[in-house]
Each structure stands twice: as C-alpha cells, then as structure tokens.
C-alpha cells in the first residue's frame, strides 16, 4: 500500500511472555488499542521494540501479525538496525516478502561510520528495495548524526521519503523544510518535543508513550492539526511527566511498565534488560499512576 508519511506512528513495543516468547495476543491487543485511537501507521522493531534482541523469525511473525490485524487500513513499517550493509539489504528484501509496507532505517550498528560511509549505507539499502524508507537520525543514542546537509546525497533516491528526527535539535526541522520543502516528510522522534515540532510544521510523530496512552497521543496531534493549540497544550502539559520516560536509557522498561498499568502491555523485557525493581520501579509507577488518576477527558 502507499505510505502516507503523516500523522502518529507508534514505535510499537515487542511484548514478551514470562518465558521470553513473543506474546502475540498482547501484541494484537495493543495494535487494536492503537487503531481504535486512530493512529496513522505502525513501526515494528524500533528501539522501543527491542530491535537488537529480536530474531529474524520473530520480526517476520510481528510484521505478518500486524498486517493481518490492520490489512490495508494503515501501513506497517519495519525498522532495520543491522551491523553490516549486506545484512541490512537482506533484511530489506525479506521485509518486502513478509508484507511490510515500508522501512525505517538506522545507520550501521556498533560502528561509528563517517558521513560518506553512512550515506553509502543508506543508498545501498534504498537501491536494493522498492519499499519506501524513513531515515532514523538519533545521534544522542546511536552517535551518528546524519544532519540536514547530508540529505543532498539522498534526493535522487525516490524510495527515501521521510526522516525520523531525534537529534533533539528542534532547529533541524526548519533546516530540513527550508532546504528541501516537502521532498522529505519530517517526523518528530522525541516525545518531549512533539507539540513544538508539530507547531513548526512536522509531518508526523513517531511516538513512544502512545504505546500506553494512544488516545491522548492522537488527540494532541488532531487538536494541533485543527489549530486548537490551547487544547493540545493542556493535554501535552498533563502528558509531560510521562513523555519524559521516553528520553531515559531505560525507556523500554519504563514505557512497558506504563503499558502494563493501562492494560495494553506487560513489563516483561528481554535480557540483557531486566524488569524494574525496588525504588526505581516505585518511582516510575508513581509517575504513571498519578497521570492515570488525572487523565484529561478526551
């Protein structure tokens, strides 16, 4: 299906059972909650999806289950986070056979490639697939900054269509729009900057806390699109203590705990991650439960 790079795209969690198997029924429950809230696409196997711990067969199952649940209503995007160019190309080709509608593409893992190497990596994947691609720029976590000027090299690749901008430099959004217009669709990739970037013209939001609070996330997007900024801002201010869970090294554990508290997820993670314990768990639970107790009426 055609990917309309616009709106709220959840970076889905990968739910596991206590026995460390995929929890497909819970995965489907979360997808149903996302679709009911009105999200515009789904992203599988991103940072929140514990990409580095997933086996190829598990990625295949997640993509196919998601497609079976959403059909042609919204696109299903698979994240590619591989160490070698050859593996990334293979993954892109497999994703097409599984029915994925598009790809999100991180720079090479475990090696800090320079600008030339990163661009060549992206080009190689784009050349190998007809699937539309969203580049994922996250220099804070992945130490490679694919800054706006480097997109000059990607303009001629029609499959490279969007950018998940997670540098935390809000100005990059305007730099990209000034340089390229709408050639690349720009998504905010940091929950705590979402409303700011939406107001500055972001085409979409790759969201994290949406995994626990889909209705509130979509409401912010829709209100902002309708020009009802004061109403969007009110929800956003309520949401902020939760959104800040998205910018912590343990964002997976924190957001999974939030999804468990709202009944559409579980806190089970895959090693080397461990579930939260002690004071840390209680502190995060306090934030989550306080927010739930004071949820705005949507």
Protein backbone atom coordinates (compact mmCIF):
# COMPACT_ATOMS: atom_id res chain seq x y z
CA UNK A 1 0.00 0.00 0.00
CA UNK A 2 1.03 3.63 -0.46
CA UNK A 3 2.66 5.03 2.68
CA UNK A 4 1.31 8.46 3.52
CA UNK A 5 4.07 9.74 5.77
CA UNK A 6 1.86 11.81 8.02
CA UNK A 7 0.34 11.57 11.49
CA UNK A 8 1.06 9.46 14.55
CA UNK A 9 3.18 6.34 14.02
CA UNK A 10 3.65 4.32 17.23
CA UNK A 11 7.06 2.77 17.75
CA UNK A 12 5.47 -0.43 18.96
CA UNK A 13 6.69 -2.37 21.96
CA UNK A 14 7.51 -6.04 21.50
CA UNK A 15 5.60 -7.87 24.23
CA UNK A 16 7.15 -11.00 25.70
CA UNK A 17 5.80 -13.71 27.95
CA UNK A 18 7.43 -14.61 31.24
CA UNK A 19 9.09 -17.46 29.30
CA UNK A 20 10.69 -14.94 26.88
CA UNK A 21 8.49 -15.82 23.90
CA UNK A 22 6.60 -13.32 21.77
CA UNK A 23 3.25 -12.54 23.41
CA UNK A 24 1.21 -12.34 20.23
CA UNK A 25 -2.18 -11.95 21.91
CA UNK A 26 -0.91 -8.93 23.85
CA UNK A 27 0.71 -7.54 20.69
CA UNK A 28 -2.65 -7.75 18.96
CA UNK A 29 -4.39 -6.14 21.93
CA UNK A 30 -2.05 -3.17 21.75
CA UNK A 31 -2.49 -2.86 17.99
CA UNK A 32 -6.27 -2.83 18.49
CA UNK A 33 -5.93 -0.01 21.03
CA UNK A 34 -3.72 1.96 18.64
CA UNK A 35 -6.15 1.54 15.75
CA UNK A 36 -9.14 2.46 17.91
CA UNK A 37 -7.36 5.69 18.87
CA UNK A 38 -6.79 6.48 15.19
CA UNK A 39 -3.05 6.16 14.65
CA UNK A 40 -1.82 6.52 11.10
CA UNK A 41 0.84 3.77 10.86
CA UNK A 42 2.75 1.20 12.91
CA UNK A 43 6.50 0.77 13.35
CA UNK A 44 7.84 -2.64 14.36
CA UNK A 45 11.24 -3.48 15.82
CA UNK A 46 12.47 0.00 16.64
CA UNK A 47 14.43 0.99 19.72
CA UNK A 48 11.30 0.56 21.83
CA UNK A 49 10.67 -2.73 20.09
CA UNK A 50 13.99 -4.08 21.42
CA UNK A 51 15.32 -4.44 17.88
CA UNK A 52 18.76 -5.71 18.85
CA UNK A 53 17.29 -8.71 20.67
CA UNK A 54 14.84 -9.89 18.00
CA UNK A 55 15.47 -12.89 15.81
CA UNK A 56 14.68 -12.74 12.09
CA UNK A 57 11.82 -15.21 12.51
CA UNK A 58 10.35 -13.05 15.26
CA UNK A 59 10.48 -9.95 13.07
CA UNK A 60 8.70 -11.88 10.35
CA UNK A 61 5.99 -13.00 12.75
CA UNK A 62 5.46 -9.49 14.12
CA UNK A 63 5.14 -7.98 10.64
CA UNK A 64 2.74 -10.65 9.46
CA UNK A 65 0.59 -10.48 12.59
CA UNK A 66 0.41 -6.69 12.32
CA UNK A 67 -0.58 -6.88 8.65
CA UNK A 68 -3.21 -9.50 9.43
CA UNK A 69 -4.70 -7.14 12.01
CA UNK A 70 -4.64 -3.86 10.08
CA UNK A 71 -4.82 -5.02 6.47
CA UNK A 72 -4.68 -2.03 4.13
CA UNK A 73 -6.03 0.46 6.68
CA UNK A 74 -2.65 1.78 7.82
CA UNK A 75 0.94 0.98 6.82
CA UNK A 76 3.19 -1.39 8.74
CA UNK A 77 6.81 -0.24 8.83
CA UNK A 78 9.73 -2.47 9.84
CA UNK A 79 12.82 -0.95 11.42
CA UNK A 80 16.21 -2.07 10.11
CA UNK A 81 19.07 -1.91 12.61
CA UNK A 82 21.89 -4.09 11.34
CA UNK A 83 25.66 -4.07 11.73
CA UNK A 84 26.59 -4.67 8.11
CA UNK A 85 25.33 -3.30 4.82
CA UNK A 86 24.78 -6.83 3.49
CA UNK A 87 22.58 -7.74 6.46
CA UNK A 88 20.59 -4.51 6.09
CA UNK A 89 19.99 -5.22 2.41
CA UNK A 90 18.93 -8.78 3.20
CA UNK A 91 16.56 -7.55 5.88
CA UNK A 92 15.01 -5.03 3.48
CA UNK A 93 14.38 -7.73 0.89
CA UNK A 94 12.89 -10.06 3.49
CA UNK A 95 10.61 -7.32 4.80
CA UNK A 96 9.05 -6.98 1.35
CA UNK A 97 8.31 -10.69 1.18
CA UNK A 98 6.69 -10.55 4.63
CA UNK A 99 4.29 -7.83 3.54
CA UNK A 100 5.84 -4.78 5.19
CA UNK A 101 4.69 -1.52 3.62
CA UNK A 102 7.87 0.42 4.35
CA UNK A 103 11.12 0.58 6.28
CA UNK A 104 12.67 2.72 8.98
CA UNK A 105 16.44 2.68 8.62
CA UNK A 106 19.04 3.31 11.29
CA UNK A 107 22.73 3.92 10.48
CA UNK A 108 25.10 0.95 10.88
CA UNK A 109 25.08 -0.53 14.36
CA UNK A 110 28.21 -0.98 16.50
CA UNK A 111 30.42 1.11 14.21
CA UNK A 112 30.54 4.90 14.16
CA UNK A 113 30.51 5.42 10.43
CA UNK A 114 31.52 8.78 8.99
CA UNK A 115 29.28 10.87 6.71
CA UNK A 116 30.40 9.16 3.50
CA UNK A 117 30.01 5.67 4.95
CA UNK A 118 26.59 6.42 6.42
CA UNK A 119 25.27 7.89 3.17
CA UNK A 120 26.63 4.93 1.20
CA UNK A 121 24.92 2.53 3.62
CA UNK A 122 21.57 4.30 3.18
CA UNK A 123 21.96 4.36 -0.60
CA UNK A 124 22.75 0.65 -0.75
CA UNK A 125 19.56 -0.27 1.09
CA UNK A 126 17.48 2.18 -0.97
CA UNK A 127 18.88 0.72 -4.19
CA UNK A 128 18.01 -2.81 -3.08
CA UNK A 129 14.31 -2.30 -2.34
CA UNK A 130 11.20 -0.69 -3.74
CA UNK A 131 9.81 -0.14 -0.24
CA UNK A 132 9.60 3.48 0.93
CA UNK A 133 12.15 4.37 3.59
CA UNK A 134 12.23 6.62 6.63
CA UNK A 135 15.77 7.52 7.75
CA UNK A 136 16.13 7.47 11.54
CA UNK A 137 18.54 10.12 12.83
CA UNK A 138 19.32 9.68 16.52
CA UNK A 139 22.85 10.87 17.29
CA UNK A 140 22.13 11.02 21.04
CA UNK A 141 21.69 7.26 21.32
CA UNK A 142 23.49 5.97 18.21
CA UNK A 143 26.37 8.51 17.96
CA UNK A 144 25.97 9.17 14.22
CA UNK A 145 24.47 12.50 13.17
CA UNK A 146 23.00 12.44 9.68
CA UNK A 147 22.42 16.17 9.62
CA UNK A 148 20.28 18.06 7.06
CA UNK A 149 23.08 18.90 4.60
CA UNK A 150 23.80 15.19 4.09
CA UNK A 151 20.32 14.66 2.66
CA UNK A 152 21.54 16.39 -0.51
CA UNK A 153 23.02 13.00 -1.39
CA UNK A 154 19.69 11.19 -0.96
CA UNK A 155 17.40 13.43 -3.01
CA UNK A 156 17.85 11.31 -6.14
CA UNK A 157 16.69 8.14 -4.35
CA UNK A 158 12.88 8.14 -4.62
CA UNK A 159 12.39 5.39 -2.06
CA UNK A 160 13.98 7.57 0.66
CA UNK A 161 10.95 9.62 1.60
CA UNK A 162 10.97 10.55 5.27
CA UNK A 163 13.08 11.35 8.31
CA UNK A 164 12.55 10.48 11.95
CA UNK A 165 14.39 13.39 13.55
CA UNK A 166 15.61 12.53 17.05
CA UNK A 167 18.65 14.75 17.40
CA UNK A 168 16.77 16.88 19.97
CA UNK A 169 17.79 19.94 17.95
CA UNK A 170 14.38 21.36 17.08
CA UNK A 171 16.01 23.66 14.53
CA UNK A 172 16.79 20.67 12.31
CA UNK A 173 13.11 20.50 11.40
CA UNK A 174 13.15 24.01 9.96
CA UNK A 175 16.55 23.42 8.37
CA UNK A 176 15.14 20.41 6.52
CA UNK A 177 11.98 22.24 5.43
CA UNK A 178 13.95 25.26 4.27
CA UNK A 179 16.41 23.10 2.33
CA UNK A 180 14.05 20.53 0.80
CA UNK A 181 10.46 21.72 1.18
CA UNK A 182 8.23 18.64 1.29
CA UNK A 183 10.71 16.35 -0.52
CA UNK A 184 11.29 14.53 2.78
CA UNK A 185 8.48 14.15 5.30
CA UNK A 186 9.78 15.03 8.77
CA UNK A 187 8.63 13.20 11.88
CA UNK A 188 9.38 14.24 15.43
CA UNK A 189 11.08 11.29 17.11
CA UNK A 190 11.31 12.68 20.65
CA UNK A 191 8.12 12.67 22.73
CA UNK A 192 9.10 15.69 24.82
CA UNK A 193 9.43 17.87 21.70
CA UNK A 194 6.36 16.66 19.84
CA UNK A 195 3.97 19.58 20.16
CA UNK A 196 6.75 22.09 19.50
CA UNK A 197 7.74 20.35 16.28
CA UNK A 198 4.16 19.78 15.17
CA UNK A 199 3.55 23.51 15.52
CA UNK A 200 6.69 24.14 13.45
CA UNK A 201 5.40 22.00 10.61
CA UNK A 202 6.39 18.39 11.34
CA UNK A 203 4.50 16.00 9.10
CA UNK A 204 4.21 13.39 11.83
CA UNK A 205 5.21 12.00 15.20
CA UNK A 206 6.95 8.68 15.81
CA UNK A 207 5.68 8.30 19.35
CA UNK A 208 6.71 6.22 22.35
CA UNK A 209 4.23 6.80 25.18
CA UNK A 210 1.49 6.18 22.64
CA UNK A 211 2.15 2.51 23.45
CA UNK A 212 0.42 3.12 26.78
CA UNK A 213 -1.67 6.20 26.01
CA UNK A 214 -2.82 6.09 22.38
CA UNK A 215 -5.95 8.21 22.78
CA UNK A 216 -4.11 11.11 24.39
CA UNK A 217 -1.29 10.99 21.84
CA UNK A 218 -3.61 11.08 18.85
CA UNK A 219 -5.69 13.84 20.50
CA UNK A 220 -2.65 16.12 20.69
CA UNK A 221 -1.91 15.54 17.01
CA UNK A 222 -5.50 16.07 15.88
CA UNK A 223 -6.05 19.17 18.00
CA UNK A 224 -2.84 20.73 16.75
CA UNK A 225 -3.77 19.97 13.15
CA UNK A 226 -7.11 21.66 13.72
CA UNK A 227 -5.40 24.76 15.11
CA UNK A 228 -6.76 24.11 18.61
CA UNK A 229 -3.37 24.69 20.19
CA UNK A 230 -4.56 25.67 23.66
CA UNK A 231 -6.44 22.37 23.99
CA UNK A 232 -3.50 20.39 22.65
CA UNK A 233 -1.18 22.24 25.04
CA UNK A 234 -3.37 21.36 28.03
CA UNK A 235 -3.12 17.63 27.28
CA UNK A 236 0.59 17.97 26.49
CA UNK A 237 1.29 19.56 29.88
CA UNK A 238 -0.53 16.74 31.64
CA UNK A 239 1.40 14.25 29.48
CA UNK A 240 4.90 15.69 30.01
CA UNK A 241 5.94 13.71 33.13
CA UNK A 242 5.08 10.56 31.17
CA UNK A 243 6.71 11.75 27.96
CA UNK A 244 9.96 12.26 29.85
CA UNK A 245 10.09 8.49 30.34
CA UNK A 246 10.87 8.33 26.61
CA UNK A 247 14.24 10.09 26.95
CA UNK A 248 15.77 7.82 29.60
CA UNK A 249 18.18 4.93 28.83
CA UNK A 250 15.56 2.59 30.32
CA UNK A 251 12.76 3.91 28.13
CA UNK A 252 11.81 0.35 27.18
CA UNK A 253 11.30 -0.76 30.76
CA UNK A 254 9.56 2.50 31.70
CA UNK A 255 7.13 2.51 28.79
CA UNK A 256 6.42 -1.20 29.10
CA UNK A 257 5.51 -0.62 32.73
CA UNK A 258 3.20 2.19 31.67
CA UNK A 259 1.54 -0.04 29.08
CA UNK A 260 1.03 -2.70 31.74
CA UNK A 261 -0.62 -0.14 34.02
CA UNK A 262 -3.03 0.90 31.27
CA UNK A 263 -3.85 -2.73 30.46
CA UNK A 264 -2.41 -2.96 26.93
CA UNK A 265 1.09 -4.27 27.64
CA UNK A 266 3.34 -6.08 30.08
CA UNK A 267 6.59 -5.21 31.77
CA UNK A 268 8.49 -8.29 30.56
CA UNK A 269 11.66 -7.38 28.69
CA UNK A 270 14.35 -9.46 27.01
CA UNK A 271 17.79 -9.83 28.59
CA UNK A 272 20.15 -8.12 28.98
CA UNK A 273 17.38 -5.74 30.01
CA UNK A 274 15.75 -6.60 33.31
CA UNK A 275 12.39 -5.56 34.68
CA UNK A 276 12.45 -2.70 37.15
CA UNK A 277 12.75 -3.37 40.87
CA UNK A 278 12.85 -1.50 44.17
CA UNK A 279 12.88 2.27 44.45
CA UNK A 280 13.26 2.82 40.71
CA UNK A 281 10.14 0.80 39.92
CA UNK A 282 8.14 2.57 42.62
CA UNK A 283 9.28 5.98 41.41
CA UNK A 284 8.23 5.28 37.84
CA UNK A 285 4.95 3.73 38.99
CA UNK A 286 4.20 6.87 40.99
CA UNK A 287 4.58 9.00 37.86
CA UNK A 288 2.41 6.65 35.81
CA UNK A 289 -0.34 6.23 38.40
CA UNK A 290 -0.52 9.93 39.16
CA UNK A 291 -1.00 10.61 35.46
CA UNK A 292 -3.67 7.92 35.12
CA UNK A 293 -5.53 9.32 38.13
CA UNK A 294 -5.60 12.75 36.49
CA UNK A 295 -6.21 11.80 32.88
CA UNK A 296 -7.84 14.55 30.82
CA UNK A 297 -11.25 13.95 29.32
CA UNK A 298 -10.79 13.48 25.58
